[in-house]
Amino acid sequence: MNPIEYFVVNLPEALTNEPKELVNSLLSSSSIEIYENLTIQTIINFKWQKYTKQFFQMQFYIFLVFVFSLIGDILISLELTENETKIWDDLFTNYNCALVFCLKFVCLGILSYFSKHEITSASRDVRAYFSDFWNYIDFLLIGLYIIGCI
């Protein structure tokens, strides 16, 4: 058996003592050639498959639910505004109004989940968090939807 293969098989056990120490060492390294090493690639792939991939897939699926709920909310709201006088007469008996409220509730629930995630990320390192332009976009999305609901 090749020594590298033997080491690759035992990587999960080797990473359980101080799992963040290796990642921090890789991040602080100025040499990009280190990522060409088979062992380092195996460690990164292992960590991606074991920890990170599921997190980002779940974030994506939650965001898809938000997008479809938002699209449904917009389409039904547009239909309701065309028939506005009729809607206010029978507000609680109209199926579309109940659907709009449910969709808004789903969107607000998902946005509160994303808000918690953004606030947690921002509280770790405020300066680094707000140096990224996309974080402003995240807060803008949350704020605009809440304003739109009011």
C-alpha atoms as a PDB file:
ATOM      1  CA  MET A   1       0.000   0.000   0.000  1.00  0.00           C
ATOM      2  CA  ASN A   2       1.246   3.450  -0.909  1.00  0.00           C
ATOM      3  CA  PRO A   3       2.049   5.652   2.167  1.00  0.00           C
ATOM      4  CA  ILE A   4      -0.081   8.508   0.814  1.00  0.00           C
ATOM      5  CA  GLU A   5      -3.070   6.246   0.407  1.00  0.00           C
ATOM      6  CA  TYR A   6      -2.654   5.007   3.978  1.00  0.00           C
ATOM      7  CA  PHE A   7      -2.549   8.596   5.234  1.00  0.00           C
ATOM      8  CA  VAL A   8      -5.619   9.551   3.185  1.00  0.00           C
ATOM      9  CA  VAL A   9      -7.602   6.701   4.725  1.00  0.00           C
ATOM     10  CA  ASN A  10      -6.772   7.990   8.220  1.00  0.00           C
ATOM     11  CA  LEU A  11      -7.496  11.647   7.528  1.00  0.00           C
ATOM     12  CA  PRO A  12     -10.795  11.799   9.456  1.00  0.00           C
ATOM     13  CA  GLU A  13      -9.050  10.583  12.613  1.00  0.00           C
ATOM     14  CA  ALA A  14      -6.146  12.949  12.049  1.00  0.00           C
ATOM     15  CA  LEU A  15      -8.456  15.963  11.749  1.00  0.00           C
ATOM     16  CA  THR A  16     -10.546  15.415  14.878  1.00  0.00           C
ATOM     17  CA  ASN A  17      -8.008  16.798  17.381  1.00  0.00           C
ATOM     18  CA  GLU A  18      -7.793  20.392  16.138  1.00  0.00           C
ATOM     19  CA  PRO A  19      -9.931  20.661  12.978  1.00  0.00           C
ATOM     20  CA  LYS A  20      -9.790  24.454  12.698  1.00  0.00           C
ATOM     21  CA  GLU A  21      -6.044  24.699  13.149  1.00  0.00           C
ATOM     22  CA  LEU A  22      -5.283  23.178   9.745  1.00  0.00           C
ATOM     23  CA  VAL A  23      -7.828  25.362   7.955  1.00  0.00           C
ATOM     24  CA  ASN A  24      -6.477  28.494   9.645  1.00  0.00           C
ATOM     25  CA  SER A  25      -2.945  27.481   8.616  1.00  0.00           C
ATOM     26  CA  LEU A  26      -4.070  27.051   5.020  1.00  0.00           C
ATOM     27  CA  LEU A  27      -5.826  30.418   5.025  1.00  0.00           C
ATOM     28  CA  SER A  28      -2.821  32.223   6.439  1.00  0.00           C
ATOM     29  CA  SER A  29      -0.410  30.610   3.977  1.00  0.00           C
ATOM     30  CA  SER A  30       0.751  32.884   1.177  1.00  0.00           C
ATOM     31  CA  SER A  31       1.794  29.959  -1.027  1.00  0.00           C
ATOM     32  CA  ILE A  32      -0.883  28.915  -3.491  1.00  0.00           C
ATOM     33  CA  GLU A  33       1.084  25.816  -4.482  1.00  0.00           C
ATOM     34  CA  ILE A  34       0.082  24.176  -1.204  1.00  0.00           C
ATOM     35  CA  TYR A  35      -3.389  23.574  -2.677  1.00  0.00           C
ATOM     36  CA  GLU A  36      -1.876  21.425  -5.427  1.00  0.00           C
ATOM     37  CA  ASN A  37      -0.833  18.840  -2.843  1.00  0.00           C
ATOM     38  CA  LEU A  38      -2.978  15.697  -3.007  1.00  0.00           C
ATOM     39  CA  THR A  39      -3.265  15.461   0.771  1.00  0.00           C
ATOM     40  CA  ILE A  40      -4.453  19.060   1.116  1.00  0.00           C
ATOM     41  CA  GLN A  41      -6.966  18.560  -1.705  1.00  0.00           C
ATOM     42  CA  THR A  42      -8.243  15.430   0.021  1.00  0.00           C
ATOM     43  CA  ILE A  43      -8.653  17.285   3.316  1.00  0.00           C
ATOM     44  CA  ILE A  44     -10.532  20.123   1.626  1.00  0.00           C
ATOM     45  CA  ASN A  45     -12.790  17.678  -0.238  1.00  0.00           C
ATOM     46  CA  PHE A  46     -13.433  15.745   2.964  1.00  0.00           C
ATOM     47  CA  LYS A  47     -14.380  18.894   4.875  1.00  0.00           C
ATOM     48  CA  TRP A  48     -16.584  20.063   2.005  1.00  0.00           C
ATOM     49  CA  GLN A  49     -18.433  16.737   1.794  1.00  0.00           C
ATOM     50  CA  LYS A  50     -18.706  16.217   5.563  1.00  0.00           C
ATOM     51  CA  TYR A  51     -19.609  19.708   6.812  1.00  0.00           C
ATOM     52  CA  THR A  52     -20.080  22.486   4.317  1.00  0.00           C
ATOM     53  CA  LYS A  53     -21.908  21.020   1.337  1.00  0.00           C
ATOM     54  CA  GLN A  54     -25.076  20.159   3.272  1.00  0.00           C
ATOM     55  CA  PHE A  55     -25.185  23.610   4.856  1.00  0.00           C
ATOM     56  CA  PHE A  56     -25.062  25.422   1.524  1.00  0.00           C
ATOM     57  CA  GLN A  57     -27.511  23.026  -0.108  1.00  0.00           C
ATOM     58  CA  MET A  58     -29.983  23.644   2.717  1.00  0.00           C
ATOM     59  CA  GLN A  59     -29.482  27.412   2.391  1.00  0.00           C
ATOM     60  CA  PHE A  60     -30.172  27.099  -1.338  1.00  0.00           C
ATOM     61  CA  TYR A  61     -33.367  25.070  -0.829  1.00  0.00           C
ATOM     62  CA  ILE A  62     -34.625  27.511   1.791  1.00  0.00           C
ATOM     63  CA  PHE A  63     -33.897  30.386  -0.578  1.00  0.00           C
ATOM     64  CA  LEU A  64     -35.809  28.597  -3.363  1.00  0.00           C
ATOM     65  CA  VAL A  65     -38.840  28.316  -1.078  1.00  0.00           C
ATOM     66  CA  PHE A  66     -38.491  32.050  -0.392  1.00  0.00           C
ATOM     67  CA  VAL A  67     -38.264  32.904  -4.108  1.00  0.00           C
ATOM     68  CA  PHE A  68     -41.307  30.817  -5.045  1.00  0.00           C
ATOM     69  CA  SER A  69     -43.273  32.232  -2.106  1.00  0.00           C
ATOM     70  CA  LEU A  70     -42.278  35.749  -3.113  1.00  0.00           C
ATOM     71  CA  ILE A  71     -43.279  35.180  -6.736  1.00  0.00           C
ATOM     72  CA  GLY A  72     -46.610  33.715  -5.628  1.00  0.00           C
ATOM     73  CA  ASP A  73     -47.129  36.626  -3.247  1.00  0.00           C
ATOM     74  CA  ILE A  74     -46.442  39.159  -5.985  1.00  0.00           C
ATOM     75  CA  LEU A  75     -48.656  37.468  -8.571  1.00  0.00           C
ATOM     76  CA  ILE A  76     -51.602  37.036  -6.212  1.00  0.00           C
ATOM     77  CA  SER A  77     -51.173  40.564  -4.834  1.00  0.00           C
ATOM     78  CA  LEU A  78     -51.295  41.941  -8.373  1.00  0.00           C
ATOM     79  CA  GLU A  79     -54.488  40.002  -9.011  1.00  0.00           C
ATOM     80  CA  LEU A  80     -55.973  41.300  -5.770  1.00  0.00           C
ATOM     81  CA  THR A  81     -55.210  44.925  -6.568  1.00  0.00           C
ATOM     82  CA  GLU A  82     -57.137  44.609  -9.826  1.00  0.00           C
ATOM     83  CA  ASN A  83     -60.237  43.549  -7.872  1.00  0.00           C
ATOM     84  CA  GLU A  84     -59.627  45.761  -4.833  1.00  0.00           C
ATOM     85  CA  THR A  85     -63.200  46.865  -4.155  1.00  0.00           C
ATOM     86  CA  LYS A  86     -64.484  43.312  -4.161  1.00  0.00           C
ATOM     87  CA  ILE A  87     -61.666  42.133  -1.900  1.00  0.00           C
ATOM     88  CA  TRP A  88     -62.363  44.552   0.927  1.00  0.00           C
ATOM     89  CA  ASP A  89     -66.018  43.484   1.045  1.00  0.00           C
ATOM     90  CA  ASP A  90     -65.251  39.860   1.823  1.00  0.00           C
ATOM     91  CA  LEU A  91     -61.687  40.012   3.145  1.00  0.00           C
ATOM     92  CA  PHE A  92     -61.806  36.974   5.395  1.00  0.00           C
ATOM     93  CA  THR A  93     -63.769  34.720   3.063  1.00  0.00           C
ATOM     94  CA  ASN A  94     -61.547  35.224   0.062  1.00  0.00           C
ATOM     95  CA  TYR A  95     -59.173  32.342  -0.608  1.00  0.00           C
ATOM     96  CA  ASN A  96     -56.597  34.574  -2.330  1.00  0.00           C
ATOM     97  CA  CYS A  97     -56.226  36.872   0.678  1.00  0.00           C
ATOM     98  CA  ALA A  98     -55.602  33.914   2.964  1.00  0.00           C
ATOM     99  CA  LEU A  99     -53.038  32.612   0.491  1.00  0.00           C
ATOM    100  CA  VAL A 100     -51.299  36.001   0.371  1.00  0.00           C
ATOM    101  CA  PHE A 101     -51.107  36.120   4.165  1.00  0.00           C
ATOM    102  CA  CYS A 102     -49.676  32.582   4.262  1.00  0.00           C
ATOM    103  CA  LEU A 103     -47.097  33.407   1.596  1.00  0.00           C
ATOM    104  CA  LYS A 104     -46.103  36.611   3.413  1.00  0.00           C
ATOM    105  CA  PHE A 105     -45.801  34.632   6.642  1.00  0.00           C
ATOM    106  CA  VAL A 106     -43.551  32.052   4.928  1.00  0.00           C
ATOM    107  CA  CYS A 107     -41.400  34.810   3.400  1.00  0.00           C
ATOM    108  CA  LEU A 108     -41.093  36.665   6.705  1.00  0.00           C
ATOM    109  CA  GLY A 109     -40.194  33.431   8.506  1.00  0.00           C
ATOM    110  CA  ILE A 110     -37.464  32.650   6.002  1.00  0.00           C
ATOM    111  CA  LEU A 111     -36.186  36.218   6.111  1.00  0.00           C
ATOM    112  CA  SER A 112     -36.053  36.090   9.911  1.00  0.00           C
ATOM    113  CA  TYR A 113     -33.975  32.902   9.611  1.00  0.00           C
ATOM    114  CA  PHE A 114     -31.618  34.616   7.140  1.00  0.00           C
ATOM    115  CA  SER A 115     -31.534  37.736   9.343  1.00  0.00           C
ATOM    116  CA  LYS A 116     -30.409  35.637  12.309  1.00  0.00           C
ATOM    117  CA  HIS A 117     -27.682  34.121  10.152  1.00  0.00           C
ATOM    118  CA  GLU A 118     -26.540  37.545   8.897  1.00  0.00           C
ATOM    119  CA  ILE A 119     -26.510  39.057  12.380  1.00  0.00           C
ATOM    120  CA  THR A 120     -24.536  36.083  13.717  1.00  0.00           C
ATOM    121  CA  SER A 121     -22.026  36.439  10.874  1.00  0.00           C
ATOM    122  CA  ALA A 122     -21.751  40.179  11.418  1.00  0.00           C
ATOM    123  CA  SER A 123     -21.221  39.818  15.161  1.00  0.00           C
ATOM    124  CA  ARG A 124     -18.142  37.626  14.646  1.00  0.00           C
ATOM    125  CA  ASP A 125     -16.168  40.335  12.845  1.00  0.00           C
ATOM    126  CA  VAL A 126     -18.106  43.513  12.036  1.00  0.00           C
ATOM    127  CA  ARG A 127     -15.382  45.209  10.035  1.00  0.00           C
ATOM    128  CA  ALA A 128     -14.690  42.196   7.806  1.00  0.00           C
ATOM    129  CA  TYR A 129     -18.409  41.487   7.410  1.00  0.00           C
ATOM    130  CA  PHE A 130     -19.259  44.951   6.129  1.00  0.00           C
ATOM    131  CA  SER A 131     -16.248  45.058   3.825  1.00  0.00           C
ATOM    132  CA  ASP A 132     -18.128  42.669   1.535  1.00  0.00           C
ATOM    133  CA  PHE A 133     -20.624  44.374  -0.786  1.00  0.00           C
ATOM    134  CA  TRP A 134     -22.976  41.358  -0.900  1.00  0.00           C
ATOM    135  CA  ASN A 135     -23.694  41.617   2.805  1.00  0.00           C
ATOM    136  CA  TYR A 136     -25.215  45.049   2.175  1.00  0.00           C
ATOM    137  CA  ILE A 137     -27.384  43.440  -0.518  1.00  0.00           C
ATOM    138  CA  ASP A 138     -28.570  40.815   1.994  1.00  0.00           C
ATOM    139  CA  PHE A 139     -29.687  43.480   4.472  1.00  0.00           C
ATOM    140  CA  LEU A 140     -31.248  45.508   1.651  1.00  0.00           C
ATOM    141  CA  LEU A 141     -33.301  42.478   0.551  1.00  0.00           C
ATOM    142  CA  ILE A 142     -34.528  41.899   4.085  1.00  0.00           C
ATOM    143  CA  GLY A 143     -35.353  45.579   4.651  1.00  0.00           C
ATOM    144  CA  LEU A 144     -37.153  46.061   1.342  1.00  0.00           C
ATOM    145  CA  TYR A 145     -39.341  43.010   1.859  1.00  0.00           C
ATOM    146  CA  ILE A 146     -40.331  44.108   5.361  1.00  0.00           C
ATOM    147  CA  ILE A 147     -41.135  47.610   4.078  1.00  0.00           C
ATOM    148  CA  GLY A 148     -43.089  46.049   1.209  1.00  0.00           C
ATOM    149  CA  CYS A 149     -45.156  43.984   3.637  1.00  0.00           C
ATOM    150  CA  ILE A 150     -46.155  47.068   5.612  1.00  0.00           C
END
